[in-house]
Amino acid sequence: DRVAMPYQWEYPYLLSILPSLLGLLSFPRNNIS
């Protein structure tokens, strides 16, 4: 009743950290891939 259980969409959204990590990895050497 204080913090509800997560909605179903929140679980796949947790994978959204991967694109951010790839973005950060692309910066040091300007890696287009």
PDB file of all heavy atoms in Angstrom:
ATOM      1  N   ASP A   1       0.829  -1.208   0.000  1.00  0.00           N
ATOM      2  CA  ASP A   1       0.000   0.000   0.000  1.00  0.00           C
ATOM      3  C   ASP A   1       0.867   1.265   0.000  1.00  0.00           C
ATOM      4  O   ASP A   1       0.394   2.347  -0.319  1.00  0.00           O
ATOM      5  CB  ASP A   1      -0.991   0.011   1.162  1.00  0.00           C
ATOM      6  CG  ASP A   1      -0.321  -0.058   2.526  1.00  0.00           C
ATOM      7  OD1 ASP A   1       0.859  -0.464   2.595  1.00  0.00           O
ATOM      8  OD2 ASP A   1      -0.980   0.292   3.522  1.00  0.00           O
ATOM      9  N   ARG A   2       2.164   1.139   0.320  1.00  0.00           N
ATOM     10  CA  ARG A   2       3.111   2.275   0.235  1.00  0.00           C
ATOM     11  C   ARG A   2       3.763   2.345  -1.147  1.00  0.00           C
ATOM     12  O   ARG A   2       3.855   3.407  -1.724  1.00  0.00           O
ATOM     13  CB  ARG A   2       4.213   2.150   1.294  1.00  0.00           C
ATOM     14  CG  ARG A   2       3.745   2.246   2.703  1.00  0.00           C
ATOM     15  CD  ARG A   2       3.673   3.620   3.265  1.00  0.00           C
ATOM     16  NE  ARG A   2       4.986   4.249   3.341  1.00  0.00           N
ATOM     17  CZ  ARG A   2       5.115   5.555   3.320  1.00  0.00           C
ATOM     18  NH1 ARG A   2       4.074   6.318   3.229  1.00  0.00           N
ATOM     19  NH2 ARG A   2       6.293   6.090   3.405  1.00  0.00           N
ATOM     20  N   VAL A   3       4.263   1.196  -1.640  1.00  0.00           N
ATOM     21  CA  VAL A   3       4.899   1.122  -2.959  1.00  0.00           C
ATOM     22  C   VAL A   3       4.282  -0.057  -3.698  1.00  0.00           C
ATOM     23  O   VAL A   3       4.471  -1.207  -3.318  1.00  0.00           O
ATOM     24  CB  VAL A   3       6.424   0.950  -2.860  1.00  0.00           C
ATOM     25  CG1 VAL A   3       7.041   0.800  -4.237  1.00  0.00           C
ATOM     26  CG2 VAL A   3       7.050   2.129  -2.128  1.00  0.00           C
ATOM     27  N   ALA A   4       3.558   0.256  -4.762  1.00  0.00           N
ATOM     28  CA  ALA A   4       2.838  -0.767  -5.525  1.00  0.00           C
ATOM     29  C   ALA A   4       3.811  -1.676  -6.263  1.00  0.00           C
ATOM     30  O   ALA A   4       4.945  -1.300  -6.563  1.00  0.00           O
ATOM     31  CB  ALA A   4       1.905  -0.100  -6.531  1.00  0.00           C
ATOM     32  N   MET A   5       3.322  -2.852  -6.573  1.00  0.00           N
ATOM     33  CA  MET A   5       4.092  -3.763  -7.428  1.00  0.00           C
ATOM     34  C   MET A   5       4.263  -3.111  -8.795  1.00  0.00           C
ATOM     35  O   MET A   5       3.389  -2.363  -9.247  1.00  0.00           O
ATOM     36  CB  MET A   5       3.356  -5.100  -7.577  1.00  0.00           C
ATOM     37  CG  MET A   5       3.453  -5.991  -6.354  1.00  0.00           C
ATOM     38  SD  MET A   5       5.130  -6.529  -6.009  1.00  0.00           S
ATOM     39  CE  MET A   5       5.408  -7.679  -7.328  1.00  0.00           C
ATOM     40  N   PRO A   6       5.362  -3.389  -9.471  1.00  0.00           N
ATOM     41  CA  PRO A   6       5.606  -2.756 -10.778  1.00  0.00           C
ATOM     42  C   PRO A   6       4.618  -3.228 -11.836  1.00  0.00           C
ATOM     43  O   PRO A   6       4.096  -4.344 -11.768  1.00  0.00           O
ATOM     44  CB  PRO A   6       7.015  -3.200 -11.140  1.00  0.00           C
ATOM     45  CG  PRO A   6       7.541  -3.976 -10.003  1.00  0.00           C
ATOM     46  CD  PRO A   6       6.461  -4.204  -9.023  1.00  0.00           C
ATOM     47  N   TYR A   7       4.392  -2.355 -12.821  1.00  0.00           N
ATOM     48  CA  TYR A   7       3.614  -2.735 -13.988  1.00  0.00           C
ATOM     49  C   TYR A   7       4.485  -3.620 -14.873  1.00  0.00           C
ATOM     50  O   TYR A   7       5.717  -3.607 -14.766  1.00  0.00           O
ATOM     51  CB  TYR A   7       3.176  -1.489 -14.774  1.00  0.00           C
ATOM     52  CG  TYR A   7       2.125  -0.667 -14.069  1.00  0.00           C
ATOM     53  CD1 TYR A   7       2.476   0.488 -13.383  1.00  0.00           C
ATOM     54  CD2 TYR A   7       0.792  -1.049 -14.087  1.00  0.00           C
ATOM     55  CE1 TYR A   7       1.516   1.254 -12.735  1.00  0.00           C
ATOM     56  CE2 TYR A   7      -0.175  -0.292 -13.440  1.00  0.00           C
ATOM     57  CZ  TYR A   7       0.192   0.850 -12.764  1.00  0.00           C
ATOM     58  OH  TYR A   7      -0.758   1.591 -12.129  1.00  0.00           O
ATOM     59  N   GLN A   8       3.860  -4.361 -15.773  1.00  0.00           N
ATOM     60  CA  GLN A   8       4.602  -5.302 -16.626  1.00  0.00           C
ATOM     61  C   GLN A   8       5.626  -4.619 -17.525  1.00  0.00           C
ATOM     62  O   GLN A   8       6.669  -5.190 -17.814  1.00  0.00           O
ATOM     63  CB  GLN A   8       3.621  -6.118 -17.481  1.00  0.00           C
ATOM     64  CG  GLN A   8       2.779  -7.082 -16.687  1.00  0.00           C
ATOM     65  CD  GLN A   8       3.636  -8.114 -15.977  1.00  0.00           C
ATOM     66  OE1 GLN A   8       4.502  -8.728 -16.561  1.00  0.00           O
ATOM     67  NE2 GLN A   8       3.383  -8.289 -14.675  1.00  0.00           N
ATOM     68  N   TRP A   9       5.362  -3.418 -17.978  1.00  0.00           N
ATOM     69  CA  TRP A   9       6.281  -2.743 -18.899  1.00  0.00           C
ATOM     70  C   TRP A   9       7.591  -2.358 -18.240  1.00  0.00           C
ATOM     71  O   TRP A   9       8.596  -2.140 -18.921  1.00  0.00           O
ATOM     72  CB  TRP A   9       5.628  -1.499 -19.503  1.00  0.00           C
ATOM     73  CG  TRP A   9       5.385  -0.377 -18.547  1.00  0.00           C
ATOM     74  CD1 TRP A   9       4.263  -0.166 -17.798  1.00  0.00           C
ATOM     75  CD2 TRP A   9       6.294   0.680 -18.206  1.00  0.00           C
ATOM     76  NE1 TRP A   9       4.411   0.961 -17.026  1.00  0.00           N
ATOM     77  CE2 TRP A   9       5.659   1.500 -17.263  1.00  0.00           C
ATOM     78  CE3 TRP A   9       7.582   1.013 -18.626  1.00  0.00           C
ATOM     79  CZ2 TRP A   9       6.247   2.618 -16.710  1.00  0.00           C
ATOM     80  CZ3 TRP A   9       8.176   2.141 -18.080  1.00  0.00           C
ATOM     81  CH2 TRP A   9       7.511   2.926 -17.131  1.00  0.00           C
ATOM     82  N   GLU A  10       7.609  -2.292 -16.921  1.00  0.00           N
ATOM     83  CA  GLU A  10       8.819  -1.855 -16.221  1.00  0.00           C
ATOM     84  C   GLU A  10       9.948  -2.884 -16.317  1.00  0.00           C
ATOM     85  O   GLU A  10      11.123  -2.516 -16.296  1.00  0.00           O
ATOM     86  CB  GLU A  10       8.508  -1.546 -14.763  1.00  0.00           C
ATOM     87  CG  GLU A  10       7.577  -0.352 -14.615  1.00  0.00           C
ATOM     88  CD  GLU A  10       7.220  -0.063 -13.185  1.00  0.00           C
ATOM     89  OE1 GLU A  10       8.152   0.204 -12.392  1.00  0.00           O
ATOM     90  OE2 GLU A  10       6.025  -0.102 -12.843  1.00  0.00           O
ATOM     91  N   TYR A  11       9.598  -4.158 -16.438  1.00  0.00           N
ATOM     92  CA  TYR A  11      10.631  -5.190 -16.517  1.00  0.00           C
ATOM     93  C   TYR A  11      11.454  -5.095 -17.805  1.00  0.00           C
ATOM     94  O   TYR A  11      12.682  -5.059 -17.731  1.00  0.00           O
ATOM     95  CB  TYR A  11      10.011  -6.581 -16.351  1.00  0.00           C
ATOM     96  CG  TYR A  11       9.284  -6.735 -15.034  1.00  0.00           C
ATOM     97  CD1 TYR A  11       7.902  -6.796 -14.982  1.00  0.00           C
ATOM     98  CD2 TYR A  11       9.981  -6.780 -13.831  1.00  0.00           C
ATOM     99  CE1 TYR A  11       7.235  -6.914 -13.771  1.00  0.00           C
ATOM    100  CE2 TYR A  11       9.335  -6.892 -12.619  1.00  0.00           C
ATOM    101  CZ  TYR A  11       7.954  -6.967 -12.598  1.00  0.00           C
ATOM    102  OH  TYR A  11       7.308  -7.078 -11.406  1.00  0.00           O
ATOM    103  N   PRO A  12      10.829  -5.028 -18.986  1.00  0.00           N
ATOM    104  CA  PRO A  12      11.669  -4.863 -20.180  1.00  0.00           C
ATOM    105  C   PRO A  12      12.367  -3.500 -20.224  1.00  0.00           C
ATOM    106  O   PRO A  12      13.448  -3.383 -20.789  1.00  0.00           O
ATOM    107  CB  PRO A  12      10.707  -5.033 -21.363  1.00  0.00           C
ATOM    108  CG  PRO A  12       9.344  -4.943 -20.808  1.00  0.00           C
ATOM    109  CD  PRO A  12       9.432  -5.259 -19.343  1.00  0.00           C
ATOM    110  N   TYR A  13      11.772  -2.489 -19.581  1.00  0.00           N
ATOM    111  CA  TYR A  13      12.421  -1.184 -19.568  1.00  0.00           C
ATOM    112  C   TYR A  13      13.743  -1.232 -18.799  1.00  0.00           C
ATOM    113  O   TYR A  13      14.647  -0.443 -19.065  1.00  0.00           O
ATOM    114  CB  TYR A  13      11.503  -0.112 -18.972  1.00  0.00           C
ATOM    115  CG  TYR A  13      12.094   1.274 -19.088  1.00  0.00           C
ATOM    116  CD1 TYR A  13      12.023   1.974 -20.288  1.00  0.00           C
ATOM    117  CD2 TYR A  13      12.763   1.866 -18.026  1.00  0.00           C
ATOM    118  CE1 TYR A  13      12.577   3.232 -20.416  1.00  0.00           C
ATOM    119  CE2 TYR A  13      13.325   3.124 -18.141  1.00  0.00           C
ATOM    120  CZ  TYR A  13      13.237   3.796 -19.344  1.00  0.00           C
ATOM    121  OH  TYR A  13      13.807   5.029 -19.470  1.00  0.00           O
ATOM    122  N   LEU A  14      13.873  -2.154 -17.861  1.00  0.00           N
ATOM    123  CA  LEU A  14      15.132  -2.273 -17.125  1.00  0.00           C
ATOM    124  C   LEU A  14      16.301  -2.613 -18.056  1.00  0.00           C
ATOM    125  O   LEU A  14      17.450  -2.331 -17.740  1.00  0.00           O
ATOM    126  CB  LEU A  14      15.008  -3.301 -16.000  1.00  0.00           C
ATOM    127  CG  LEU A  14      14.096  -2.891 -14.840  1.00  0.00           C
ATOM    128  CD1 LEU A  14      13.998  -4.008 -13.825  1.00  0.00           C
ATOM    129  CD2 LEU A  14      14.568  -1.603 -14.197  1.00  0.00           C
ATOM    130  N   LEU A  15      15.998  -3.200 -19.221  1.00  0.00           N
ATOM    131  CA  LEU A  15      17.055  -3.461 -20.203  1.00  0.00           C
ATOM    132  C   LEU A  15      17.531  -2.193 -20.902  1.00  0.00           C
ATOM    133  O   LEU A  15      18.531  -2.214 -21.626  1.00  0.00           O
ATOM    134  CB  LEU A  15      16.555  -4.456 -21.260  1.00  0.00           C
ATOM    135  CG  LEU A  15      16.247  -5.865 -20.770  1.00  0.00           C
ATOM    136  CD1 LEU A  15      15.614  -6.679 -21.880  1.00  0.00           C
ATOM    137  CD2 LEU A  15      17.515  -6.540 -20.260  1.00  0.00           C
ATOM    138  N   SER A  16      16.848  -1.089 -20.675  1.00  0.00           N
ATOM    139  CA  SER A  16      17.198   0.165 -21.349  1.00  0.00           C
ATOM    140  C   SER A  16      18.538   0.719 -20.899  1.00  0.00           C
ATOM    141  O   SER A  16      19.036   1.685 -21.482  1.00  0.00           O
ATOM    142  CB  SER A  16      16.100   1.209 -21.139  1.00  0.00           C
ATOM    143  OG  SER A  16      16.071   1.627 -19.791  1.00  0.00           O
ATOM    144  N   ILE A  17      19.141   0.125 -19.894  1.00  0.00           N
ATOM    145  CA  ILE A  17      20.472   0.569 -19.483  1.00  0.00           C
ATOM    146  C   ILE A  17      21.510   0.179 -20.532  1.00  0.00           C
ATOM    147  O   ILE A  17      22.539   0.847 -20.681  1.00  0.00           O
ATOM    148  CB  ILE A  17      20.833   0.015 -18.083  1.00  0.00           C
ATOM    149  CG1 ILE A  17      21.975   0.812 -17.452  1.00  0.00           C
ATOM    150  CG2 ILE A  17      21.159  -1.452 -18.132  1.00  0.00           C
ATOM    151  CD1 ILE A  17      21.634   2.209 -17.075  1.00  0.00           C
ATOM    152  N   LEU A  18      21.239  -0.885 -21.289  1.00  0.00           N
ATOM    153  CA  LEU A  18      22.193  -1.348 -22.311  1.00  0.00           C
ATOM    154  C   LEU A  18      22.461  -0.303 -23.392  1.00  0.00           C
ATOM    155  O   LEU A  18      23.628  -0.054 -23.722  1.00  0.00           O
ATOM    156  CB  LEU A  18      21.709  -2.658 -22.933  1.00  0.00           C
ATOM    157  CG  LEU A  18      21.579  -3.842 -21.971  1.00  0.00           C
ATOM    158  CD1 LEU A  18      20.954  -5.032 -22.668  1.00  0.00           C
ATOM    159  CD2 LEU A  18      22.906  -4.175 -21.359  1.00  0.00           C
ATOM    160  N   PRO A  19      21.434   0.333 -23.987  1.00  0.00           N
ATOM    161  CA  PRO A  19      21.729   1.361 -24.991  1.00  0.00           C
ATOM    162  C   PRO A  19      22.541   2.528 -24.424  1.00  0.00           C
ATOM    163  O   PRO A  19      23.394   3.079 -25.121  1.00  0.00           O
ATOM    164  CB  PRO A  19      20.353   1.847 -25.449  1.00  0.00           C
ATOM    165  CG  PRO A  19      19.386   0.842 -25.005  1.00  0.00           C
ATOM    166  CD  PRO A  19      20.001   0.088 -23.880  1.00  0.00           C
ATOM    167  N   SER A  20      22.294   2.865 -23.176  1.00  0.00           N
ATOM    168  CA  SER A  20      23.057   3.954 -22.567  1.00  0.00           C
ATOM    169  C   SER A  20      24.525   3.572 -22.424  1.00  0.00           C
ATOM    170  O   SER A  20      25.418   4.376 -22.685  1.00  0.00           O
ATOM    171  CB  SER A  20      22.474   4.315 -21.206  1.00  0.00           C
ATOM    172  OG  SER A  20      21.194   4.872 -21.370  1.00  0.00           O
ATOM    173  N   LEU A  21      24.779   2.335 -22.015  1.00  0.00           N
ATOM    174  CA  LEU A  21      26.166   1.876 -21.901  1.00  0.00           C
ATOM    175  C   LEU A  21      26.853   1.852 -23.260  1.00  0.00           C
ATOM    176  O   LEU A  21      28.016   2.256 -23.386  1.00  0.00           O
ATOM    177  CB  LEU A  21      26.215   0.494 -21.254  1.00  0.00           C
ATOM    178  CG  LEU A  21      25.762   0.419 -19.799  1.00  0.00           C
ATOM    179  CD1 LEU A  21      25.747  -1.021 -19.313  1.00  0.00           C
ATOM    180  CD2 LEU A  21      26.638   1.285 -18.915  1.00  0.00           C
ATOM    181  N   LEU A  22      26.131   1.382 -24.287  1.00  0.00           N
ATOM    182  CA  LEU A  22      26.702   1.389 -25.636  1.00  0.00           C
ATOM    183  C   LEU A  22      27.002   2.808 -26.101  1.00  0.00           C
ATOM    184  O   LEU A  22      28.020   3.058 -26.752  1.00  0.00           O
ATOM    185  CB  LEU A  22      25.748   0.705 -26.620  1.00  0.00           C
ATOM    186  CG  LEU A  22      25.669  -0.808 -26.541  1.00  0.00           C
ATOM    187  CD1 LEU A  22      24.514  -1.330 -27.392  1.00  0.00           C
ATOM    188  CD2 LEU A  22      26.972  -1.432 -26.968  1.00  0.00           C
ATOM    189  N   GLY A  23      26.120   3.738 -25.778  1.00  0.00           N
ATOM    190  CA  GLY A  23      26.354   5.131 -26.135  1.00  0.00           C
ATOM    191  C   GLY A  23      27.609   5.675 -25.472  1.00  0.00           C
ATOM    192  O   GLY A  23      28.428   6.337 -26.122  1.00  0.00           O
ATOM    193  N   LEU A  24      27.775   5.377 -24.194  1.00  0.00           N
ATOM    194  CA  LEU A  24      28.976   5.838 -23.499  1.00  0.00           C
ATOM    195  C   LEU A  24      30.238   5.186 -24.055  1.00  0.00           C
ATOM    196  O   LEU A  24      31.287   5.819 -24.145  1.00  0.00           O
ATOM    197  CB  LEU A  24      28.853   5.568 -21.995  1.00  0.00           C
ATOM    198  CG  LEU A  24      27.856   6.441 -21.242  1.00  0.00           C
ATOM    199  CD1 LEU A  24      27.741   5.983 -19.790  1.00  0.00           C
ATOM    200  CD2 LEU A  24      28.246   7.899 -21.306  1.00  0.00           C
ATOM    201  N   LEU A  25      30.130   3.908 -24.439  1.00  0.00           N
ATOM    202  CA  LEU A  25      31.287   3.211 -25.018  1.00  0.00           C
ATOM    203  C   LEU A  25      31.673   3.760 -26.387  1.00  0.00           C
ATOM    204  O   LEU A  25      32.825   3.635 -26.799  1.00  0.00           O
ATOM    205  CB  LEU A  25      30.994   1.709 -25.140  1.00  0.00           C
ATOM    206  CG  LEU A  25      30.961   0.912 -23.844  1.00  0.00           C
ATOM    207  CD1 LEU A  25      30.508  -0.520 -24.112  1.00  0.00           C
ATOM    208  CD2 LEU A  25      32.331   0.928 -23.173  1.00  0.00           C
ATOM    209  N   SER A  26      30.732   4.365 -27.089  1.00  0.00           N
ATOM    210  CA  SER A  26      31.021   4.877 -28.426  1.00  0.00           C
ATOM    211  C   SER A  26      31.830   6.177 -28.395  1.00  0.00           C
ATOM    212  O   SER A  26      32.487   6.518 -29.380  1.00  0.00           O
ATOM    213  CB  SER A  26      29.725   5.107 -29.204  1.00  0.00           C
ATOM    214  OG  SER A  26      29.029   6.231 -28.707  1.00  0.00           O
ATOM    215  N   PHE A  27      31.817   6.888 -27.274  1.00  0.00           N
ATOM    216  CA  PHE A  27      32.430   8.222 -27.230  1.00  0.00           C
ATOM    217  C   PHE A  27      33.954   8.260 -27.271  1.00  0.00           C
ATOM    218  O   PHE A  27      34.515   9.080 -27.991  1.00  0.00           O
ATOM    219  CB  PHE A  27      31.933   9.001 -26.020  1.00  0.00           C
ATOM    220  CG  PHE A  27      30.470   9.334 -26.078  1.00  0.00           C
ATOM    221  CD1 PHE A  27      29.742   9.513 -24.929  1.00  0.00           C
ATOM    222  CD2 PHE A  27      29.831   9.476 -27.288  1.00  0.00           C
ATOM    223  CE1 PHE A  27      28.395   9.820 -24.979  1.00  0.00           C
ATOM    224  CE2 PHE A  27      28.483   9.782 -27.357  1.00  0.00           C
ATOM    225  CZ  PHE A  27      27.773   9.956 -26.195  1.00  0.00           C
ATOM    226  N   PRO A  28      34.678   7.423 -26.518  1.00  0.00           N
ATOM    227  CA  PRO A  28      36.128   7.617 -26.457  1.00  0.00           C
ATOM    228  C   PRO A  28      36.838   7.571 -27.827  1.00  0.00           C
ATOM    229  O   PRO A  28      37.740   8.341 -28.071  1.00  0.00           O
ATOM    230  CB  PRO A  28      36.613   6.479 -25.566  1.00  0.00           C
ATOM    231  CG  PRO A  28      35.438   6.098 -24.750  1.00  0.00           C
ATOM    232  CD  PRO A  28      34.243   6.364 -25.610  1.00  0.00           C
ATOM    233  N   ARG A  29      36.407   6.688 -28.710  1.00  0.00           N
ATOM    234  CA  ARG A  29      37.080   6.565 -30.008  1.00  0.00           C
ATOM    235  C   ARG A  29      36.162   6.882 -31.182  1.00  0.00           C
ATOM    236  O   ARG A  29      36.422   6.458 -32.297  1.00  0.00           O
ATOM    237  CB  ARG A  29      37.645   5.160 -30.166  1.00  0.00           C
ATOM    238  CG  ARG A  29      38.713   4.858 -29.139  1.00  0.00           C
ATOM    239  CD  ARG A  29      39.311   3.513 -29.367  1.00  0.00           C
ATOM    240  NE  ARG A  29      40.238   3.213 -28.312  1.00  0.00           N
ATOM    241  CZ  ARG A  29      41.482   2.884 -28.504  1.00  0.00           C
ATOM    242  NH1 ARG A  29      41.960   2.786 -29.712  1.00  0.00           N
ATOM    243  NH2 ARG A  29      42.266   2.616 -27.483  1.00  0.00           N
ATOM    244  N   ASN A  30      35.070   7.585 -30.911  1.00  0.00           N
ATOM    245  CA  ASN A  30      34.092   7.919 -31.957  1.00  0.00           C
ATOM    246  C   ASN A  30      33.667   6.676 -32.740  1.00  0.00           C
ATOM    247  O   ASN A  30      33.686   6.656 -33.971  1.00  0.00           O
ATOM    248  CB  ASN A  30      34.635   8.995 -32.898  1.00  0.00           C
ATOM    249  CG  ASN A  30      34.863  10.309 -32.204  1.00  0.00           C
ATOM    250  OD1 ASN A  30      34.474  10.497 -31.062  1.00  0.00           O
ATOM    251  ND2 ASN A  30      35.502  11.227 -32.886  1.00  0.00           N
ATOM    252  N   ASN A  31      33.274   5.648 -32.015  1.00  0.00           N
ATOM    253  CA  ASN A  31      32.916   4.369 -32.619  1.00  0.00           C
ATOM    254  C   ASN A  31      31.499   4.424 -33.191  1.00  0.00           C
ATOM    255  O   ASN A  31      30.516   4.403 -32.448  1.00  0.00           O
ATOM    256  CB  ASN A  31      33.040   3.257 -31.569  1.00  0.00           C
ATOM    257  CG  ASN A  31      32.963   1.886 -32.169  1.00  0.00           C
ATOM    258  OD1 ASN A  31      32.144   1.636 -33.043  1.00  0.00           O
ATOM    259  ND2 ASN A  31      33.813   1.002 -31.683  1.00  0.00           N
ATOM    260  N   ILE A  32      31.405   4.473 -34.499  1.00  0.00           N
ATOM    261  CA  ILE A  32      30.116   4.578 -35.186  1.00  0.00           C
ATOM    262  C   ILE A  32      29.255   3.346 -34.922  1.00  0.00           C
ATOM    263  O   ILE A  32      28.045   3.455 -34.711  1.00  0.00           O
ATOM    264  CB  ILE A  32      30.328   4.799 -36.701  1.00  0.00           C
ATOM    265  CG1 ILE A  32      30.917   6.194 -36.938  1.00  0.00           C
ATOM    266  CG2 ILE A  32      29.034   4.632 -37.476  1.00  0.00           C
ATOM    267  CD1 ILE A  32      31.289   6.486 -38.376  1.00  0.00           C
ATOM    268  N   SER A  33      29.866   2.169 -34.905  1.00  0.00           N
ATOM    269  CA  SER A  33      29.100   0.921 -34.716  1.00  0.00           C
ATOM    270  C   SER A  33      28.379   0.912 -33.371  1.00  0.00           C
ATOM    271  O   SER A  33      27.206   0.553 -33.293  1.00  0.00           O
ATOM    272  CB  SER A  33      30.024  -0.294 -34.807  1.00  0.00           C
ATOM    273  OG  SER A  33      30.644  -0.335 -36.058  1.00  0.00           O
TER     274      SER A  33
END
